[in-house]
Amino acid sequence: MAVILSVDFPQPNGPFGAKMSEDFAWLAQSIAEEEGLIWKIWTENADEKTAGGIYCFDTREHAEKYLKMHTARLEKFGYAGIRGKIFDINLPLSLIDKAEFLK
């Protein structure tokens, strides 16, 4: 069963919006190739100066492996305060709330 990974971190100097899309397109391409990735939603909050993502992986093992690698990568970029959490999906309740794509 798929799992959800949530990652967020302070991004005090931006970028956000269109500039973020432009600056990190290369990173999005790299993430798209990660083993076990089903999808990622990029998140940002310019008012709070935070960024991150919500990921769906095919297994907990792939999510854990990615979180470890991505945390190290973000730290190399100079980010700190990185938070990552892995969640199991409650399929019956998710299906009630329109997550048919999980079937």
Protein backbone atom coordinates (compact mmCIF):
# COMPACT_ATOMS: atom_id res chain seq x y z
CA MET A 1 0.00 0.00 0.00
CA ALA A 2 1.20 3.48 -0.85
CA VAL A 3 2.35 5.91 1.83
CA ILE A 4 2.41 9.69 2.09
CA LEU A 5 5.57 11.63 2.90
CA SER A 6 5.29 15.21 4.10
CA VAL A 7 8.39 17.42 4.02
CA ASP A 8 8.65 21.09 4.95
CA PHE A 9 11.39 23.50 5.87
CA PRO A 10 12.07 27.21 6.32
CA GLN A 11 12.92 29.02 3.09
CA PRO A 12 13.68 32.52 4.41
CA ASN A 13 15.12 33.87 1.16
CA GLY A 14 12.61 32.36 -1.27
CA PRO A 15 12.12 31.95 -4.13
CA PHE A 16 8.37 31.46 -4.39
CA GLY A 17 5.77 31.35 -7.15
CA ALA A 18 6.93 31.64 -10.74
CA LYS A 19 10.55 32.21 -9.70
CA MET A 20 10.51 28.99 -7.66
CA SER A 21 9.07 27.13 -10.67
CA GLU A 22 11.84 28.46 -12.86
CA ASP A 23 14.68 27.91 -10.39
CA PHE A 24 13.71 24.39 -9.35
CA ALA A 25 12.48 22.81 -12.60
CA TRP A 26 15.72 20.82 -12.72
CA LEU A 27 15.04 19.49 -9.21
CA ALA A 28 11.48 18.54 -10.11
CA GLN A 29 12.84 16.54 -13.06
CA SER A 30 15.25 14.74 -10.74
CA ILE A 31 12.53 13.97 -8.18
CA ALA A 32 10.28 12.59 -10.94
CA GLU A 33 12.88 9.85 -11.49
CA GLU A 34 13.00 8.70 -7.85
CA GLU A 35 12.36 5.02 -7.27
CA GLY A 36 8.84 4.36 -6.05
CA LEU A 37 7.54 7.93 -6.48
CA ILE A 38 3.90 7.97 -7.57
CA TRP A 39 3.46 11.76 -7.41
CA LYS A 40 4.60 14.92 -5.64
CA ILE A 41 2.76 18.13 -4.89
CA TRP A 42 5.09 21.07 -4.32
CA THR A 43 4.06 23.34 -1.44
CA GLU A 44 5.03 26.88 -0.55
CA ASN A 45 3.92 29.63 1.78
CA ALA A 46 5.59 32.94 0.96
CA ASP A 47 4.00 34.68 3.96
CA GLU A 48 5.49 32.13 6.37
CA LYS A 49 8.62 31.66 4.24
CA THR A 50 8.32 27.88 4.13
CA ALA A 51 8.39 25.33 1.33
CA GLY A 52 8.22 21.59 0.90
CA GLY A 53 6.09 18.90 -0.61
CA ILE A 54 3.59 16.13 -0.20
CA TYR A 55 4.73 12.90 -1.84
CA CYS A 56 3.09 9.57 -2.52
CA PHE A 57 5.44 6.57 -2.64
CA ASP A 58 4.62 2.98 -3.45
CA THR A 59 6.27 1.65 -0.26
CA ARG A 60 7.41 2.92 3.13
CA GLU A 61 10.93 1.73 2.29
CA HIS A 62 11.09 3.96 -0.81
CA ALA A 63 9.72 6.91 1.17
CA GLU A 64 12.28 6.40 3.95
CA LYS A 65 15.14 6.09 1.46
CA TYR A 66 14.04 9.24 -0.36
CA LEU A 67 13.57 11.23 2.88
CA LYS A 68 17.09 10.38 4.01
CA MET A 69 18.61 11.35 0.64
CA HIS A 70 16.49 14.49 0.21
CA THR A 71 17.21 15.73 3.75
CA ALA A 72 20.96 15.42 3.07
CA ARG A 73 20.53 17.19 -0.28
CA LEU A 74 18.59 20.07 1.27
CA GLU A 75 21.22 20.40 4.01
CA LYS A 76 23.92 20.64 1.30
CA PHE A 77 21.87 23.48 -0.24
CA GLY A 78 22.08 25.24 3.14
CA TYR A 79 18.59 24.50 4.47
CA ALA A 80 18.03 23.68 8.14
CA GLY A 81 15.00 22.76 10.21
CA ILE A 82 13.87 20.13 7.71
CA ARG A 83 10.87 18.12 8.90
CA GLY A 84 9.76 14.87 7.31
CA LYS A 85 6.95 12.52 8.30
CA ILE A 86 5.67 9.34 6.71
CA PHE A 87 1.99 8.44 6.98
CA ASP A 88 0.06 5.29 6.15
CA ILE A 89 -3.07 5.87 4.08
CA ASN A 90 -6.48 4.90 5.44
CA LEU A 91 -7.92 3.75 2.13
CA PRO A 92 -11.60 3.29 3.10
CA LEU A 93 -11.87 6.83 4.50
CA SER A 94 -9.78 8.31 1.69
CA LEU A 95 -12.07 6.75 -0.92
CA ILE A 96 -15.09 8.38 0.76
CA ASP A 97 -13.27 11.70 0.41
CA LYS A 98 -12.67 11.43 -3.35
CA ALA A 99 -9.24 9.74 -3.44
CA GLU A 100 -10.35 7.25 -6.11
CA PHE A 101 -6.92 7.47 -7.71
CA LEU A 102 -5.61 5.35 -4.82
CA LYS A 103 -7.60 2.29 -5.93
